[in-house]
Amino acid sequence: MIETVHGMSTLEFAKDGTPIPPMPYTYTGTVILGKFNGVGQIIWGNGTMYHGSFVDGKQNGIGTQTWGLGKGQGDTYTGTWVFGKRTGKGKYTWKNGDVFEGWFVEGVITGKGKFTGINGMRYDGEHMNDKPHGYGKFVYPDKSYYEGNFDNGKKNGTGKYTYPNGNVLECSWVNGLCHGKGEMTYPNGTNRIGIWENNNLVQWLS
């Protein structure tokens, strides 16, 4: 049965899932045994709107939410929800036009996904806690790119960095910096072995 219901409820924040104090809402959709079940639309007092599936009063299934006044204003998420949290595959579009498509766990980007920034920045790979973590490829605005391992958002482990001029540095990375023995390959196919410390070349070995 389609009904319109007014009440008070908490609202998930756009990025970190932290609840805020209850605010008024208006729900229009299916109500079963006094709870939102099926397809409906809810609009909170700050202008945040969700349209999609509900189970026992929570967003559950496929739905789209656009955030209103406050944190994440103008951001939109379309994808899977599990009891009020973005969990599963979805697409998150920031107000400025940046886009992430991939996997979420309880509102946090976790697992495989692709970020595309309006400034030319792109990342395609593994994530944990909203950051690159695991294997992936990160393209910078200047068209340089790194392909390899990340830890908590930083280059860490083995990986290759390709400079805008085409030079390629293969190295062990620590906290985002080349550190240790590395190999530089030039566009003409020649290469040199060297030692780096904190991203600075110390000496050539060959």
Protein backbone atom coordinates (compact mmCIF):
# COMPACT_ATOMS: atom_id res chain seq x y z
CA MET A 1 0.00 0.00 0.00
CA ILE A 2 1.34 3.44 -0.96
CA GLU A 3 1.39 5.87 1.95
CA THR A 4 2.93 9.20 2.92
CA VAL A 5 4.59 9.17 6.34
CA HIS A 6 6.14 12.00 8.34
CA GLY A 7 8.60 11.40 11.17
CA MET A 8 12.10 11.79 12.60
CA SER A 9 15.18 9.69 11.80
CA THR A 10 18.97 9.78 11.61
CA LEU A 11 20.74 10.24 8.29
CA GLU A 12 24.00 8.66 7.12
CA PHE A 13 26.76 11.12 6.29
CA ALA A 14 27.96 11.16 2.69
CA LYS A 15 31.47 9.76 3.15
CA ASP A 16 32.12 8.25 6.56
CA GLY A 17 28.70 6.92 7.52
CA THR A 18 28.68 8.82 10.85
CA PRO A 19 25.07 9.42 11.97
CA ILE A 20 23.82 12.89 12.80
CA PRO A 21 21.01 13.85 15.21
CA PRO A 22 17.51 12.89 14.06
CA MET A 23 15.82 15.24 11.60
CA PRO A 24 12.31 15.37 10.11
CA TYR A 25 11.55 13.36 6.99
CA THR A 26 8.73 12.65 4.58
CA TYR A 27 8.39 9.16 3.10
CA THR A 28 6.18 8.22 0.19
CA GLY A 29 5.99 4.59 -0.84
CA THR A 30 5.08 1.09 0.26
CA VAL A 31 4.44 0.49 3.96
CA ILE A 32 4.04 -3.04 5.32
CA LEU A 33 3.34 -3.73 9.00
CA GLY A 34 4.16 -0.14 9.86
CA LYS A 35 7.60 -0.11 8.20
CA PHE A 36 8.94 1.05 4.84
CA ASN A 37 9.16 -2.06 2.65
CA GLY A 38 9.43 -2.10 -1.12
CA VAL A 39 10.01 0.92 -3.34
CA GLY A 40 9.70 4.41 -1.96
CA GLN A 41 11.16 7.88 -1.63
CA ILE A 42 12.29 9.68 1.51
CA ILE A 43 13.24 13.34 1.81
CA TRP A 44 14.94 14.61 4.96
CA GLY A 45 14.68 18.09 6.35
CA ASN A 46 18.08 19.16 4.98
CA GLY A 47 17.07 18.28 1.41
CA THR A 48 18.72 14.86 1.24
CA MET A 49 16.64 12.52 -0.92
CA TYR A 50 16.70 8.75 -1.41
CA HIS A 51 14.66 6.86 -3.98
CA GLY A 52 14.81 3.09 -4.18
CA SER A 53 14.25 -0.11 -2.23
CA PHE A 54 13.56 -0.39 1.50
CA VAL A 55 13.47 -3.31 3.92
CA ASP A 56 12.18 -2.83 7.47
CA GLY A 57 12.49 0.94 7.23
CA LYS A 58 16.08 1.04 5.91
CA GLN A 59 17.55 1.60 2.45
CA ASN A 60 18.14 -1.94 1.24
CA GLY A 61 18.68 -3.08 -2.33
CA ILE A 62 19.20 -0.70 -5.25
CA GLY A 63 18.68 3.01 -4.75
CA THR A 64 19.91 6.54 -5.38
CA GLN A 65 20.64 9.10 -2.70
CA THR A 66 21.57 12.75 -3.19
CA TRP A 67 22.82 14.61 -0.12
CA GLY A 68 21.41 17.97 0.89
CA LEU A 69 22.69 20.72 3.15
CA GLY A 70 25.71 19.66 5.22
CA LYS A 71 28.56 17.22 4.67
CA GLY A 72 28.60 15.89 1.11
CA GLN A 73 26.07 18.43 -0.16
CA GLY A 74 25.38 17.80 -3.84
CA ASP A 75 27.04 14.35 -3.88
CA THR A 76 25.08 11.39 -5.31
CA TYR A 77 25.34 7.64 -4.85
CA THR A 78 23.57 5.06 -6.98
CA GLY A 79 23.99 1.40 -6.17
CA THR A 80 23.50 -1.29 -3.57
CA TRP A 81 22.46 -0.61 0.02
CA VAL A 82 22.33 -3.00 2.98
CA PHE A 83 20.22 -1.80 5.91
CA GLY A 84 20.95 1.89 5.44
CA LYS A 85 24.62 1.61 4.45
CA ARG A 86 26.27 1.74 1.02
CA THR A 87 27.46 -1.86 0.81
CA GLY A 88 28.13 -3.61 -2.49
CA LYS A 89 28.72 -2.18 -5.93
CA GLY A 90 27.85 1.42 -6.69
CA LYS A 91 28.70 4.75 -8.28
CA TYR A 92 29.51 7.81 -6.19
CA THR A 93 29.58 11.19 -7.92
CA TRP A 94 30.93 14.21 -6.08
CA LYS A 95 29.43 17.66 -6.57
CA ASN A 96 32.55 18.81 -8.47
CA GLY A 97 32.19 15.99 -11.03
CA ASP A 98 34.71 13.46 -9.66
CA VAL A 99 33.41 9.89 -9.94
CA PHE A 100 34.13 6.57 -8.23
CA GLU A 101 32.68 3.30 -9.48
CA GLY A 102 33.32 0.16 -7.51
CA TRP A 103 32.78 -1.52 -4.17
CA PHE A 104 31.73 -0.20 -0.78
CA VAL A 105 31.50 -1.72 2.69
CA GLU A 106 29.28 0.14 5.18
CA GLY A 107 29.73 3.45 3.38
CA VAL A 108 33.50 3.12 2.89
CA ILE A 109 35.26 2.48 -0.43
CA THR A 110 36.75 -0.99 -0.01
CA GLY A 111 37.73 -3.43 -2.77
CA LYS A 112 38.14 -2.94 -6.50
CA GLY A 113 37.11 0.28 -8.14
CA LYS A 114 37.92 3.15 -10.46
CA PHE A 115 38.23 6.84 -9.55
CA THR A 116 38.08 9.47 -12.30
CA GLY A 117 38.85 13.08 -11.38
CA ILE A 118 37.91 16.13 -13.43
CA ASN A 119 41.56 17.30 -13.23
CA GLY A 120 42.76 14.21 -15.13
CA MET A 121 43.67 12.16 -12.06
CA ARG A 122 42.61 8.52 -12.28
CA TYR A 123 43.05 5.42 -10.18
CA ASP A 124 42.01 1.89 -11.07
CA GLY A 125 42.68 -0.84 -8.54
CA GLU A 126 42.24 -2.07 -4.99
CA HIS A 127 41.05 0.13 -2.11
CA MET A 128 40.73 0.01 1.65
CA ASN A 129 39.17 2.66 3.89
CA ASP A 130 38.63 5.08 0.98
CA LYS A 131 42.30 4.91 -0.11
CA PRO A 132 44.34 2.99 -2.71
CA HIS A 133 45.52 -0.19 -1.02
CA GLY A 134 46.86 -3.24 -2.83
CA TYR A 135 47.61 -3.31 -6.54
CA GLY A 136 46.54 -0.53 -8.87
CA LYS A 137 47.38 2.08 -11.47
CA PHE A 138 47.39 5.77 -10.56
CA VAL A 139 47.47 8.38 -13.33
CA TYR A 140 48.44 11.93 -12.31
CA PRO A 141 47.22 15.19 -13.89
CA ASP A 142 50.57 15.64 -15.69
CA LYS A 143 49.98 12.24 -17.42
CA SER A 144 52.71 10.51 -15.44
CA TYR A 145 51.54 7.28 -13.81
CA TYR A 146 52.45 4.65 -11.26
CA GLU A 147 51.53 0.99 -11.52
CA GLY A 148 52.22 -1.30 -8.61
CA ASN A 149 51.48 -1.74 -4.93
CA PHE A 150 49.93 0.75 -2.54
CA ASP A 151 49.61 0.84 1.23
CA ASN A 152 47.16 3.24 2.87
CA GLY A 153 47.13 5.55 -0.15
CA LYS A 154 50.89 5.63 -0.76
CA LYS A 155 53.20 3.80 -3.18
CA ASN A 156 54.61 0.95 -1.14
CA GLY A 157 56.36 -2.21 -2.29
CA THR A 158 57.31 -2.93 -5.89
CA GLY A 159 56.08 -0.74 -8.71
CA LYS A 160 56.90 1.27 -11.82
CA TYR A 161 56.61 5.04 -12.19
CA THR A 162 56.44 6.47 -15.70
CA TYR A 163 57.49 10.11 -16.01
CA PRO A 164 55.83 12.57 -18.42
CA ASN A 165 58.94 12.36 -20.66
CA GLY A 166 58.59 8.56 -20.96
CA ASN A 167 61.35 7.53 -18.54
CA VAL A 168 60.31 4.54 -16.40
CA LEU A 169 61.62 3.96 -12.88
CA GLU A 170 61.14 0.49 -11.41
CA CYS A 171 61.92 0.49 -7.73
CA SER A 172 61.00 -0.58 -4.22
CA TRP A 173 58.81 2.11 -2.68
CA VAL A 174 58.51 3.10 0.97
CA ASN A 175 55.83 5.58 2.08
CA GLY A 176 55.47 6.90 -1.45
CA LEU A 177 59.20 7.29 -2.13
CA CYS A 178 61.66 5.25 -4.19
CA HIS A 179 64.13 3.79 -1.72
CA GLY A 180 66.86 1.26 -2.52
CA LYS A 181 67.99 -0.27 -5.76
CA GLY A 182 66.13 0.78 -8.87
CA GLU A 183 66.24 0.62 -12.63
CA MET A 184 65.62 3.56 -14.97
CA THR A 185 64.56 2.72 -18.52
CA TYR A 186 64.62 5.42 -21.21
CA PRO A 187 62.33 5.78 -24.24
CA ASN A 188 65.14 4.61 -26.56
CA GLY A 189 65.28 1.27 -24.69
CA THR A 190 68.52 1.81 -22.75
CA ASN A 191 68.52 1.42 -18.99
CA ARG A 192 70.64 2.15 -15.92
CA ILE A 193 70.78 0.68 -12.43
CA GLY A 194 71.10 3.00 -9.45
CA ILE A 195 70.56 3.53 -5.75
CA TRP A 196 67.82 5.86 -4.48
CA GLU A 197 67.21 7.22 -1.00
CA ASN A 198 63.89 8.89 -0.25
CA ASN A 199 63.25 9.47 -3.94
CA ASN A 200 66.70 10.99 -4.56
CA LEU A 201 69.27 9.30 -6.81
CA VAL A 202 72.41 8.61 -4.74
CA GLN A 203 74.57 6.96 -7.39
CA TRP A 204 74.49 5.00 -10.63
CA LEU A 205 75.76 1.44 -10.47
CA SER A 206 75.73 0.93 -14.23
